[in-house]
Amino acid sequence: MLGLIGKKVGMTQVFDQFGELMPVTVIEVEPNLVVDHRTVEKNGYSAVVLGSGDVKASRVTKPRLGQFAKNKLDPKRYLVEMRDFDKECAVGDEMGVDLFANAAFVDVVGISKGKGYQGVMKRHNFHGGRATHGSKFHRANGSTGQAAWPSRGLKGTRMPGRMGAERTTVQNLRLVGIDNDKSVLLVGGSVPGSRGSYIVVQTARKKG
């Protein structure tokens, strides 16, 4: 497993090798700093802690600042643990987009856009009732429980509520291109999050 912290710049479109126009997401990857290591002996698992994004020390909490101070590193805004990292690295090393030079597909993890309070048709893709005059059942969710038993709504019943703003993973996206000069990845399709949000790009778990 290899991975980096990146920032979603936005979407554009490029031509593939067959001359077909395809949508891609532009992900900017600032140099990722190796902040620390997690070991099986001490932590029970193997991982590399990566940091990205410059931030003033006054804006960082003391517990987090201590992770940087013990290794005499400048603080970073975002910290991510990458388990079972396949590349040998030492604390203080920096990594960029060239880490994905041999990757064909990636998984992208991010926080999806918040949609606020939504009904069942948008939130759960319900069909809805007839739109004809007099039906009195258009966008409602219908029956949510029984009167005699269990006399309550069951847990997990799909209802209106807050939608989005959740950790989301999109798997098996094609890595269309890498621009080493601009530290940019071009990933086929869309990824979670709004423009400017930070995301995690990893080599695909289910594809080589």
N, C-alpha and C. Protein backbone atom coordinates (compact mmCIF):
# COMPACT_ATOMS: atom_id res chain seq x y z
N MET A 1 0.84 -1.19 0.00
CA MET A 1 0.00 0.00 0.00
C MET A 1 0.88 1.25 0.00
N LEU A 2 0.60 2.14 -0.95
CA LEU A 2 1.25 3.44 -1.02
C LEU A 2 0.16 4.51 -1.02
N GLY A 3 0.47 5.65 -0.46
CA GLY A 3 -0.53 6.71 -0.42
C GLY A 3 0.06 8.05 -0.08
N LEU A 4 -0.68 9.11 -0.44
CA LEU A 4 -0.26 10.48 -0.17
C LEU A 4 -1.48 11.33 0.16
N ILE A 5 -1.22 12.43 0.85
CA ILE A 5 -2.26 13.42 1.11
C ILE A 5 -2.24 14.44 -0.02
N GLY A 6 -3.41 14.72 -0.59
CA GLY A 6 -3.51 15.67 -1.70
C GLY A 6 -4.64 16.65 -1.49
N LYS A 7 -4.77 17.58 -2.41
CA LYS A 7 -5.83 18.59 -2.37
C LYS A 7 -6.59 18.57 -3.69
N LYS A 8 -7.89 18.50 -3.60
CA LYS A 8 -8.72 18.51 -4.81
C LYS A 8 -8.76 19.91 -5.40
N VAL A 9 -8.26 20.05 -6.62
CA VAL A 9 -8.23 21.35 -7.30
C VAL A 9 -9.54 21.58 -8.06
N GLY A 10 -10.04 20.55 -8.71
CA GLY A 10 -11.27 20.67 -9.49
C GLY A 10 -11.28 19.61 -10.58
N MET A 11 -12.17 19.77 -11.55
CA MET A 11 -12.29 18.81 -12.64
C MET A 11 -12.03 19.48 -13.98
N THR A 12 -11.55 18.67 -14.91
CA THR A 12 -11.35 19.12 -16.29
C THR A 12 -11.56 17.90 -17.18
N GLN A 13 -11.15 17.99 -18.43
CA GLN A 13 -11.30 16.85 -19.33
C GLN A 13 -10.07 16.75 -20.24
N VAL A 14 -9.72 15.51 -20.56
CA VAL A 14 -8.56 15.24 -21.41
C VAL A 14 -8.95 14.16 -22.41
N PHE A 15 -8.13 14.01 -23.44
CA PHE A 15 -8.32 12.95 -24.42
C PHE A 15 -7.50 11.73 -24.00
N ASP A 16 -8.13 10.55 -24.07
CA ASP A 16 -7.40 9.33 -23.74
C ASP A 16 -6.65 8.82 -24.97
N GLN A 17 -6.02 7.62 -24.85
CA GLN A 17 -5.21 7.09 -25.94
C GLN A 17 -6.02 6.72 -27.16
N PHE A 18 -7.36 6.61 -27.02
CA PHE A 18 -8.23 6.28 -28.13
C PHE A 18 -8.88 7.52 -28.76
N GLY A 19 -8.52 8.69 -28.25
CA GLY A 19 -9.09 9.92 -28.78
C GLY A 19 -10.44 10.28 -28.19
N GLU A 20 -10.85 9.55 -27.13
CA GLU A 20 -12.13 9.83 -26.49
C GLU A 20 -11.94 10.86 -25.37
N LEU A 21 -12.89 11.77 -25.28
CA LEU A 21 -12.83 12.80 -24.24
C LEU A 21 -13.32 12.20 -22.92
N MET A 22 -12.54 12.36 -21.86
CA MET A 22 -12.93 11.78 -20.59
C MET A 22 -12.74 12.80 -19.47
N PRO A 23 -13.65 12.81 -18.48
CA PRO A 23 -13.53 13.74 -17.35
C PRO A 23 -12.49 13.25 -16.36
N VAL A 24 -11.71 14.16 -15.81
CA VAL A 24 -10.69 13.82 -14.82
C VAL A 24 -10.74 14.83 -13.68
N THR A 25 -10.29 14.38 -12.53
CA THR A 25 -10.13 15.26 -11.37
C THR A 25 -8.66 15.60 -11.19
N VAL A 26 -8.38 16.87 -10.98
CA VAL A 26 -7.01 17.34 -10.76
C VAL A 26 -6.74 17.37 -9.26
N ILE A 27 -5.70 16.62 -8.84
CA ILE A 27 -5.34 16.54 -7.42
C ILE A 27 -3.92 17.06 -7.26
N GLU A 28 -3.78 18.13 -6.50
CA GLU A 28 -2.46 18.69 -6.22
C GLU A 28 -1.86 18.02 -4.99
N VAL A 29 -0.64 17.57 -5.10
CA VAL A 29 0.03 16.87 -3.99
C VAL A 29 1.24 17.69 -3.55
N GLU A 30 1.11 18.37 -2.43
CA GLU A 30 2.26 19.05 -1.84
C GLU A 30 3.20 17.99 -1.26
N PRO A 31 4.49 18.33 -1.08
CA PRO A 31 5.40 17.34 -0.49
C PRO A 31 4.88 16.80 0.83
N ASN A 32 4.77 15.48 0.91
CA ASN A 32 4.30 14.81 2.13
C ASN A 32 5.51 14.49 3.01
N LEU A 33 5.46 14.92 4.25
CA LEU A 33 6.56 14.73 5.19
C LEU A 33 6.30 13.49 6.05
N VAL A 34 7.31 12.64 6.16
CA VAL A 34 7.21 11.47 7.06
C VAL A 34 7.44 11.97 8.48
N VAL A 35 6.37 11.94 9.28
CA VAL A 35 6.39 12.50 10.63
C VAL A 35 6.81 11.46 11.66
N ASP A 36 6.35 10.22 11.48
CA ASP A 36 6.63 9.19 12.49
C ASP A 36 6.34 7.82 11.91
N HIS A 37 6.69 6.79 12.68
CA HIS A 37 6.41 5.40 12.31
C HIS A 37 5.61 4.74 13.42
N ARG A 38 4.70 3.86 13.03
CA ARG A 38 4.01 3.00 13.98
C ARG A 38 4.55 1.59 13.77
N THR A 39 4.95 0.94 14.86
CA THR A 39 5.56 -0.37 14.75
C THR A 39 4.70 -1.42 15.46
N VAL A 40 4.88 -2.67 15.04
CA VAL A 40 4.13 -3.77 15.63
C VAL A 40 4.52 -3.94 17.09
N GLU A 41 5.79 -3.79 17.42
CA GLU A 41 6.25 -3.98 18.79
C GLU A 41 5.65 -2.96 19.75
N LYS A 42 5.55 -1.71 19.30
CA LYS A 42 5.09 -0.65 20.19
C LYS A 42 3.60 -0.38 20.06
N ASN A 43 3.09 -0.39 18.83
CA ASN A 43 1.71 0.03 18.59
C ASN A 43 0.78 -1.11 18.20
N GLY A 44 1.35 -2.27 17.84
CA GLY A 44 0.51 -3.39 17.46
C GLY A 44 0.22 -3.46 15.98
N TYR A 45 0.70 -2.51 15.20
CA TYR A 45 0.50 -2.51 13.75
C TYR A 45 1.62 -1.70 13.10
N SER A 46 1.76 -1.86 11.81
CA SER A 46 2.80 -1.15 11.07
C SER A 46 2.19 -0.04 10.23
N ALA A 47 2.72 1.17 10.35
CA ALA A 47 2.18 2.29 9.58
C ALA A 47 3.20 3.41 9.53
N VAL A 48 3.00 4.29 8.54
CA VAL A 48 3.80 5.51 8.40
C VAL A 48 2.86 6.70 8.58
N VAL A 49 3.28 7.67 9.37
CA VAL A 49 2.49 8.88 9.60
C VAL A 49 2.99 9.96 8.66
N LEU A 50 2.09 10.43 7.79
CA LEU A 50 2.43 11.47 6.82
C LEU A 50 1.76 12.78 7.20
N GLY A 51 2.45 13.89 6.96
CA GLY A 51 1.91 15.21 7.21
C GLY A 51 1.97 16.06 5.96
N SER A 52 0.98 16.95 5.82
CA SER A 52 0.94 17.83 4.64
C SER A 52 0.29 19.15 5.02
N GLY A 53 0.70 20.20 4.33
CA GLY A 53 0.11 21.51 4.55
C GLY A 53 0.80 22.28 5.66
N ASP A 54 1.40 23.42 5.33
CA ASP A 54 2.09 24.22 6.33
C ASP A 54 1.09 24.92 7.25
N VAL A 55 1.45 25.04 8.51
CA VAL A 55 0.59 25.70 9.49
C VAL A 55 1.48 26.29 10.59
N LYS A 56 1.04 27.40 11.18
CA LYS A 56 1.79 28.02 12.27
C LYS A 56 1.68 27.15 13.53
N ALA A 57 2.75 27.15 14.30
CA ALA A 57 2.76 26.36 15.53
C ALA A 57 1.69 26.82 16.50
N SER A 58 1.35 28.10 16.45
CA SER A 58 0.33 28.63 17.37
C SER A 58 -1.07 28.11 17.04
N ARG A 59 -1.23 27.55 15.85
CA ARG A 59 -2.54 27.04 15.43
C ARG A 59 -2.67 25.54 15.67
N VAL A 60 -1.66 24.93 16.28
CA VAL A 60 -1.65 23.49 16.50
C VAL A 60 -1.76 23.21 17.99
N THR A 61 -2.55 22.22 18.36
CA THR A 61 -2.69 21.86 19.76
C THR A 61 -1.38 21.27 20.30
N LYS A 62 -1.18 21.37 21.61
CA LYS A 62 0.07 20.91 22.22
C LYS A 62 0.29 19.41 22.02
N PRO A 63 -0.73 18.55 22.16
CA PRO A 63 -0.48 17.12 21.93
C PRO A 63 0.00 16.82 20.52
N ARG A 64 -0.61 17.48 19.54
CA ARG A 64 -0.18 17.25 18.16
C ARG A 64 1.18 17.88 17.89
N LEU A 65 1.42 19.04 18.48
CA LEU A 65 2.70 19.70 18.28
C LEU A 65 3.85 18.85 18.82
N GLY A 66 3.57 18.06 19.86
CA GLY A 66 4.60 17.21 20.42
C GLY A 66 5.07 16.14 19.47
N GLN A 67 4.21 15.70 18.55
CA GLN A 67 4.61 14.70 17.57
C GLN A 67 5.69 15.24 16.64
N PHE A 68 5.62 16.52 16.36
CA PHE A 68 6.63 17.15 15.49
C PHE A 68 7.86 17.54 16.28
N ALA A 69 7.66 18.02 17.51
CA ALA A 69 8.78 18.54 18.31
C ALA A 69 9.78 17.44 18.64
N LYS A 70 9.29 16.22 18.90
CA LYS A 70 10.22 15.17 19.31
C LYS A 70 11.17 14.77 18.19
N ASN A 71 10.75 15.03 16.94
CA ASN A 71 11.62 14.73 15.79
C ASN A 71 12.18 15.99 15.14
N LYS A 72 11.95 17.14 15.79
CA LYS A 72 12.46 18.43 15.32
C LYS A 72 11.98 18.73 13.90
N LEU A 73 10.67 18.61 13.70
CA LEU A 73 10.05 18.87 12.40
C LEU A 73 9.09 20.04 12.49
N ASP A 74 8.87 20.72 11.37
CA ASP A 74 7.89 21.79 11.33
C ASP A 74 6.49 21.18 11.34
N PRO A 75 5.54 21.81 12.04
CA PRO A 75 4.18 21.24 12.13
C PRO A 75 3.47 21.26 10.78
N LYS A 76 2.59 20.30 10.60
CA LYS A 76 1.77 20.19 9.40
C LYS A 76 0.29 20.22 9.77
N ARG A 77 -0.50 20.70 8.83
CA ARG A 77 -1.93 20.87 9.09
C ARG A 77 -2.66 19.52 9.16
N TYR A 78 -2.30 18.60 8.28
CA TYR A 78 -3.00 17.32 8.19
C TYR A 78 -2.05 16.17 8.48
N LEU A 79 -2.53 15.21 9.25
CA LEU A 79 -1.78 14.00 9.56
C LEU A 79 -2.62 12.79 9.18
N VAL A 80 -1.98 11.83 8.50
CA VAL A 80 -2.67 10.61 8.08
C VAL A 80 -1.75 9.43 8.30
N GLU A 81 -2.30 8.35 8.85
CA GLU A 81 -1.54 7.11 8.99
C GLU A 81 -1.77 6.24 7.76
N MET A 82 -0.70 5.75 7.18
CA MET A 82 -0.76 4.83 6.05
C MET A 82 -0.27 3.46 6.52
N ARG A 83 -1.19 2.53 6.65
CA ARG A 83 -0.82 1.21 7.16
C ARG A 83 -0.14 0.38 6.07
N ASP A 84 0.78 -0.48 6.52
CA ASP A 84 1.48 -1.41 5.64
C ASP A 84 2.08 -0.68 4.43
N PHE A 85 2.80 0.39 4.71
CA PHE A 85 3.41 1.20 3.66
C PHE A 85 4.51 0.40 2.97
N ASP A 86 4.48 0.36 1.64
CA ASP A 86 5.38 -0.50 0.87
C ASP A 86 6.73 0.14 0.52
N LYS A 87 6.94 1.36 0.96
CA LYS A 87 8.19 2.05 0.61
C LYS A 87 9.01 2.31 1.87
N GLU A 88 10.29 2.01 1.79
CA GLU A 88 11.18 2.29 2.91
C GLU A 88 11.39 3.81 3.01
N CYS A 89 11.19 4.35 4.20
CA CYS A 89 11.36 5.79 4.39
C CYS A 89 11.75 6.06 5.84
N ALA A 90 12.40 7.19 6.04
CA ALA A 90 12.84 7.59 7.37
C ALA A 90 12.11 8.86 7.77
N VAL A 91 12.04 9.10 9.07
CA VAL A 91 11.41 10.32 9.59
C VAL A 91 12.15 11.53 9.03
N GLY A 92 11.37 12.47 8.47
CA GLY A 92 11.95 13.65 7.86
C GLY A 92 12.01 13.60 6.35
N ASP A 93 11.80 12.41 5.76
CA ASP A 93 11.79 12.29 4.30
C ASP A 93 10.54 12.95 3.73
N GLU A 94 10.67 13.42 2.49
CA GLU A 94 9.53 14.00 1.77
C GLU A 94 9.24 13.17 0.54
N MET A 95 7.95 13.01 0.23
CA MET A 95 7.52 12.23 -0.92
C MET A 95 6.52 13.03 -1.75
N GLY A 96 6.56 12.78 -3.08
CA GLY A 96 5.68 13.49 -3.99
C GLY A 96 4.96 12.56 -4.94
N VAL A 97 4.48 13.12 -6.05
CA VAL A 97 3.65 12.36 -6.98
C VAL A 97 4.40 11.22 -7.66
N ASP A 98 5.74 11.29 -7.68
CA ASP A 98 6.49 10.21 -8.31
C ASP A 98 6.31 8.87 -7.59
N LEU A 99 5.71 8.91 -6.40
CA LEU A 99 5.42 7.68 -5.66
C LEU A 99 4.46 6.79 -6.44
N PHE A 100 3.62 7.40 -7.31
CA PHE A 100 2.62 6.65 -8.07
C PHE A 100 3.08 6.35 -9.50
N ALA A 101 4.38 6.40 -9.74
CA ALA A 101 4.89 6.22 -11.09
C ALA A 101 4.48 4.88 -11.70
N ASN A 102 4.36 3.84 -10.90
CA ASN A 102 4.03 2.50 -11.41
C ASN A 102 2.58 2.11 -11.13
N ALA A 103 1.77 3.03 -10.67
CA ALA A 103 0.37 2.72 -10.34
C ALA A 103 -0.54 2.97 -11.54
N ALA A 104 -1.51 2.10 -11.73
CA ALA A 104 -2.50 2.27 -12.80
C ALA A 104 -3.86 2.69 -12.27
N PHE A 105 -4.20 2.24 -11.04
CA PHE A 105 -5.49 2.57 -10.44
C PHE A 105 -5.25 3.02 -9.00
N VAL A 106 -6.13 3.92 -8.53
CA VAL A 106 -6.01 4.44 -7.16
C VAL A 106 -7.38 4.45 -6.49
N ASP A 107 -7.35 4.46 -5.15
CA ASP A 107 -8.53 4.69 -4.34
C ASP A 107 -8.41 6.08 -3.72
N VAL A 108 -9.51 6.81 -3.66
CA VAL A 108 -9.49 8.17 -3.12
C VAL A 108 -10.46 8.25 -1.95
N VAL A 109 -9.96 8.77 -0.82
CA VAL A 109 -10.76 8.92 0.40
C VAL A 109 -10.92 10.41 0.69
N GLY A 110 -12.15 10.83 0.96
CA GLY A 110 -12.40 12.23 1.28
C GLY A 110 -13.71 12.39 2.02
N ILE A 111 -14.01 13.62 2.40
CA ILE A 111 -15.28 13.95 3.06
C ILE A 111 -16.24 14.46 1.99
N SER A 112 -17.36 13.77 1.82
CA SER A 112 -18.31 14.13 0.77
C SER A 112 -18.95 15.49 1.06
N LYS A 113 -19.47 16.11 0.04
CA LYS A 113 -20.13 17.40 0.19
C LYS A 113 -21.38 17.27 1.07
N GLY A 114 -21.54 18.20 2.00
CA GLY A 114 -22.72 18.19 2.85
C GLY A 114 -23.94 18.74 2.10
N LYS A 115 -25.05 18.01 2.15
CA LYS A 115 -26.27 18.43 1.47
C LYS A 115 -27.33 18.95 2.43
N GLY A 116 -27.03 18.89 3.73
CA GLY A 116 -28.02 19.33 4.70
C GLY A 116 -29.15 18.32 4.88
N TYR A 117 -30.28 18.80 5.39
CA TYR A 117 -31.43 17.93 5.64
C TYR A 117 -32.17 17.68 4.33
N GLN A 118 -32.29 16.40 3.94
CA GLN A 118 -32.91 16.05 2.66
C GLN A 118 -33.99 14.98 2.87
N GLY A 119 -34.90 14.94 1.93
CA GLY A 119 -35.97 13.94 1.97
C GLY A 119 -35.51 12.60 1.43
N VAL A 120 -36.43 11.63 1.46
CA VAL A 120 -36.05 10.27 1.10
C VAL A 120 -35.79 10.11 -0.40
N MET A 121 -36.39 10.94 -1.24
CA MET A 121 -36.17 10.79 -2.68
C MET A 121 -34.74 11.17 -3.06
N LYS A 122 -34.21 12.22 -2.45
CA LYS A 122 -32.84 12.61 -2.74
C LYS A 122 -31.85 11.80 -1.92
N ARG A 123 -32.19 11.54 -0.66
CA ARG A 123 -31.24 10.89 0.24
C ARG A 123 -31.11 9.39 -0.04
N HIS A 124 -32.23 8.73 -0.34
CA HIS A 124 -32.22 7.28 -0.52
C HIS A 124 -32.67 6.84 -1.91
N ASN A 125 -32.91 7.79 -2.81
CA ASN A 125 -33.31 7.46 -4.18
C ASN A 125 -34.66 6.75 -4.24
N PHE A 126 -35.60 7.14 -3.36
CA PHE A 126 -36.96 6.60 -3.42
C PHE A 126 -37.63 7.03 -4.72
N HIS A 127 -38.53 6.20 -5.19
CA HIS A 127 -39.23 6.48 -6.44
C HIS A 127 -40.23 7.63 -6.28
N GLY A 128 -40.93 7.67 -5.17
CA GLY A 128 -41.96 8.68 -4.95
C GLY A 128 -43.31 8.22 -5.47
N GLY A 129 -44.33 8.95 -5.11
CA GLY A 129 -45.68 8.60 -5.56
C GLY A 129 -46.02 9.22 -6.90
N ARG A 130 -47.24 9.02 -7.33
CA ARG A 130 -47.68 9.59 -8.61
C ARG A 130 -47.71 11.11 -8.54
N ALA A 131 -47.39 11.74 -9.64
CA ALA A 131 -47.40 13.20 -9.70
C ALA A 131 -48.76 13.74 -10.15
N THR A 132 -49.76 12.84 -10.30
CA THR A 132 -51.06 13.27 -10.81
C THR A 132 -51.86 14.00 -9.75
N HIS A 133 -52.84 14.74 -10.23
CA HIS A 133 -53.67 15.56 -9.34
C HIS A 133 -54.50 14.66 -8.42
N GLY A 134 -54.47 14.99 -7.13
CA GLY A 134 -55.32 14.28 -6.20
C GLY A 134 -54.70 13.06 -5.56
N SER A 135 -53.46 12.71 -5.91
CA SER A 135 -52.87 11.51 -5.34
C SER A 135 -52.53 11.69 -3.86
N LYS A 136 -52.16 12.89 -3.47
CA LYS A 136 -51.80 13.23 -2.09
C LYS A 136 -50.59 12.44 -1.59
N PHE A 137 -49.83 11.87 -2.51
CA PHE A 137 -48.64 11.13 -2.13
C PHE A 137 -47.61 11.35 -3.23
N HIS A 138 -46.73 12.33 -3.02
CA HIS A 138 -45.78 12.69 -4.06
C HIS A 138 -44.34 12.37 -3.67
N ARG A 139 -43.83 13.01 -2.62
CA ARG A 139 -42.43 12.83 -2.22
C ARG A 139 -42.30 12.28 -0.80
N ALA A 140 -43.37 11.79 -0.24
CA ALA A 140 -43.34 11.27 1.12
C ALA A 140 -42.71 9.89 1.16
N ASN A 141 -42.32 9.45 2.36
CA ASN A 141 -41.65 8.16 2.49
C ASN A 141 -42.61 7.01 2.76
N GLY A 142 -43.87 7.27 2.97
CA GLY A 142 -44.83 6.19 3.18
C GLY A 142 -44.76 5.62 4.58
N SER A 143 -45.20 4.37 4.73
CA SER A 143 -45.26 3.72 6.04
C SER A 143 -43.86 3.52 6.61
N THR A 144 -43.71 3.81 7.90
CA THR A 144 -42.42 3.64 8.57
C THR A 144 -42.49 2.64 9.73
N GLY A 145 -43.63 2.04 9.98
CA GLY A 145 -43.75 1.08 11.08
C GLY A 145 -45.17 0.55 11.18
N GLN A 146 -45.39 -0.38 12.11
CA GLN A 146 -46.69 -1.00 12.29
C GLN A 146 -47.30 -0.54 13.62
N ALA A 147 -48.64 -0.57 13.69
CA ALA A 147 -49.33 -0.08 14.88
C ALA A 147 -49.34 -1.13 16.00
N ALA A 148 -49.71 -2.39 15.65
CA ALA A 148 -49.85 -3.41 16.69
C ALA A 148 -48.48 -3.91 17.17
N TRP A 149 -47.62 -4.25 16.24
CA TRP A 149 -46.28 -4.72 16.59
C TRP A 149 -45.29 -4.28 15.52
N PRO A 150 -44.16 -3.74 15.83
CA PRO A 150 -43.60 -3.54 17.18
C PRO A 150 -43.99 -2.20 17.80
N SER A 151 -44.94 -1.51 17.21
CA SER A 151 -45.46 -0.24 17.74
C SER A 151 -44.38 0.84 17.83
N ARG A 152 -43.42 0.76 16.94
CA ARG A 152 -42.35 1.76 16.89
C ARG A 152 -41.65 1.65 15.54
N GLY A 153 -40.87 2.64 15.23
CA GLY A 153 -40.06 2.58 14.02
C GLY A 153 -38.80 1.77 14.26
N LEU A 154 -38.48 0.87 13.36
CA LEU A 154 -37.31 0.03 13.52
C LEU A 154 -36.03 0.80 13.19
N LYS A 155 -34.96 0.46 13.91
CA LYS A 155 -33.68 1.08 13.64
C LYS A 155 -33.22 0.75 12.22
N GLY A 156 -32.66 1.74 11.55
CA GLY A 156 -32.18 1.53 10.20
C GLY A 156 -33.21 1.83 9.13
N THR A 157 -34.45 2.12 9.51
CA THR A 157 -35.47 2.48 8.52
C THR A 157 -35.04 3.76 7.80
N ARG A 158 -35.10 3.72 6.49
CA ARG A 158 -34.64 4.87 5.70
C ARG A 158 -35.65 6.01 5.78
N MET A 159 -35.20 7.13 6.30
CA MET A 159 -36.05 8.29 6.53
C MET A 159 -35.32 9.56 6.11
N PRO A 160 -36.01 10.70 6.11
CA PRO A 160 -35.32 11.96 5.84
C PRO A 160 -34.28 12.23 6.91
N GLY A 161 -33.26 13.01 6.57
CA GLY A 161 -32.23 13.34 7.55
C GLY A 161 -31.04 14.02 6.91
N ARG A 162 -30.00 14.19 7.69
CA ARG A 162 -28.80 14.86 7.21
C ARG A 162 -28.11 13.99 6.17
N MET A 163 -27.70 14.61 5.09
CA MET A 163 -27.11 13.88 3.97
C MET A 163 -25.72 14.44 3.67
N GLY A 164 -24.78 13.56 3.42
CA GLY A 164 -23.44 13.98 3.04
C GLY A 164 -22.56 14.30 4.24
N ALA A 165 -21.41 14.96 3.97
CA ALA A 165 -20.43 15.32 5.00
C ALA A 165 -19.95 14.09 5.74
N GLU A 166 -19.70 12.99 5.01
CA GLU A 166 -19.24 11.74 5.60
C GLU A 166 -17.97 11.27 4.90
N ARG A 167 -17.17 10.52 5.61
CA ARG A 167 -15.96 9.94 5.02
C ARG A 167 -16.38 8.95 3.93
N THR A 168 -15.89 9.16 2.73
CA THR A 168 -16.30 8.38 1.57
C THR A 168 -15.07 7.91 0.79
N THR A 169 -15.12 6.68 0.32
CA THR A 169 -14.03 6.12 -0.48
C THR A 169 -14.54 5.74 -1.86
N VAL A 170 -13.85 6.19 -2.90
CA VAL A 170 -14.15 5.79 -4.27
C VAL A 170 -12.99 4.92 -4.75
N GLN A 171 -13.31 3.70 -5.16
CA GLN A 171 -12.27 2.73 -5.49
C GLN A 171 -12.05 2.60 -6.99
N ASN A 172 -10.86 2.14 -7.32
CA ASN A 172 -10.51 1.72 -8.68
C ASN A 172 -10.67 2.83 -9.72
N LEU A 173 -10.19 4.02 -9.40
CA LEU A 173 -10.17 5.12 -10.36
C LEU A 173 -8.89 5.05 -11.17
N ARG A 174 -9.00 5.23 -12.47
CA ARG A 174 -7.82 5.14 -13.33
C ARG A 174 -6.93 6.36 -13.15
N LEU A 175 -5.64 6.11 -12.96
CA LEU A 175 -4.67 7.20 -12.88
C LEU A 175 -4.28 7.58 -14.31
N VAL A 176 -4.85 8.67 -14.79
CA VAL A 176 -4.71 9.06 -16.19
C VAL A 176 -3.36 9.68 -16.46
N GLY A 177 -2.85 10.51 -15.57
CA GLY A 177 -1.58 11.17 -15.82
C GLY A 177 -0.95 11.73 -14.57
N ILE A 178 0.36 11.96 -14.64
CA ILE A 178 1.14 12.54 -13.54
C ILE A 178 1.97 13.68 -14.09
N ASP A 179 1.88 14.86 -13.47
CA ASP A 179 2.69 16.01 -13.84
C ASP A 179 3.67 16.29 -12.70
N ASN A 180 4.91 15.84 -12.86
CA ASN A 180 5.90 15.99 -11.80
C ASN A 180 6.28 17.45 -11.57
N ASP A 181 6.27 18.25 -12.64
CA ASP A 181 6.65 19.65 -12.50
C ASP A 181 5.66 20.44 -11.65
N LYS A 182 4.37 20.14 -11.82
CA LYS A 182 3.33 20.86 -11.08
C LYS A 182 2.83 20.07 -9.87
N SER A 183 3.40 18.88 -9.63
CA SER A 183 2.98 18.02 -8.52
C SER A 183 1.48 17.76 -8.55
N VAL A 184 1.03 17.27 -9.71
CA VAL A 184 -0.40 17.09 -9.95
C VAL A 184 -0.68 15.68 -10.43
N LEU A 185 -1.78 15.10 -9.94
CA LEU A 185 -2.29 13.82 -10.42
C LEU A 185 -3.58 14.05 -11.18
N LEU A 186 -3.77 13.34 -12.28
CA LEU A 186 -5.03 13.37 -13.02
C LEU A 186 -5.71 12.01 -12.84
N VAL A 187 -6.86 12.03 -12.20
CA VAL A 187 -7.58 10.80 -11.87
C VAL A 187 -8.90 10.78 -12.62
N GLY A 188 -9.17 9.67 -13.29
CA GLY A 188 -10.40 9.56 -14.07
C GLY A 188 -11.64 9.59 -13.20
N GLY A 189 -12.64 10.38 -13.61
CA GLY A 189 -13.89 10.45 -12.87
C GLY A 189 -13.85 11.47 -11.74
N SER A 190 -14.86 11.41 -10.89
CA SER A 190 -14.99 12.36 -9.79
C SER A 190 -14.55 11.73 -8.48
N VAL A 191 -14.18 12.57 -7.52
CA VAL A 191 -13.76 12.13 -6.20
C VAL A 191 -14.56 12.91 -5.16
N PRO A 192 -14.65 12.37 -3.94
CA PRO A 192 -15.44 13.06 -2.90
C PRO A 192 -14.83 14.39 -2.51
N GLY A 193 -15.68 15.30 -2.04
CA GLY A 193 -15.21 16.56 -1.49
C GLY A 193 -15.42 17.74 -2.42
N SER A 194 -15.33 18.92 -1.83
CA SER A 194 -15.45 20.15 -2.60
C SER A 194 -14.07 20.61 -3.05
N ARG A 195 -14.02 21.59 -3.92
CA ARG A 195 -12.75 22.13 -4.38
C ARG A 195 -11.98 22.72 -3.20
N GLY A 196 -10.69 22.38 -3.15
CA GLY A 196 -9.86 22.88 -2.06
C GLY A 196 -9.81 21.98 -0.85
N SER A 197 -10.61 20.92 -0.84
CA SER A 197 -10.61 20.02 0.31
C SER A 197 -9.46 19.03 0.21
N TYR A 198 -8.99 18.57 1.35
CA TYR A 198 -7.88 17.62 1.38
C TYR A 198 -8.41 16.19 1.32
N ILE A 199 -7.72 15.37 0.54
CA ILE A 199 -8.13 13.99 0.33
C ILE A 199 -6.91 13.09 0.46
N VAL A 200 -7.15 11.79 0.52
CA VAL A 200 -6.07 10.80 0.58
C VAL A 200 -6.13 9.93 -0.66
N VAL A 201 -5.02 9.83 -1.38
CA VAL A 201 -4.93 9.02 -2.58
C VAL A 201 -4.06 7.81 -2.26
N GLN A 202 -4.60 6.60 -2.52
CA GLN A 202 -3.88 5.37 -2.24
C GLN A 202 -3.88 4.48 -3.46
N THR A 203 -2.88 3.63 -3.57
CA THR A 203 -2.90 2.63 -4.63
C THR A 203 -4.10 1.72 -4.41
N ALA A 204 -4.73 1.30 -5.50
CA ALA A 204 -5.97 0.54 -5.42
C ALA A 204 -5.76 -0.80 -4.72
N ARG A 205 -6.65 -1.12 -3.79
CA ARG A 205 -6.57 -2.37 -3.06
C ARG A 205 -7.00 -3.56 -3.93
N LYS A 206 -7.96 -3.34 -4.83
CA LYS A 206 -8.57 -4.43 -5.56
C LYS A 206 -8.06 -4.56 -6.98
N LYS A 207 -7.14 -3.66 -7.39
CA LYS A 207 -6.56 -3.74 -8.71
C LYS A 207 -5.06 -3.49 -8.62
N GLY A 208 -4.30 -4.16 -9.47
CA GLY A 208 -2.85 -3.99 -9.44
C GLY A 208 -2.40 -2.76 -10.18
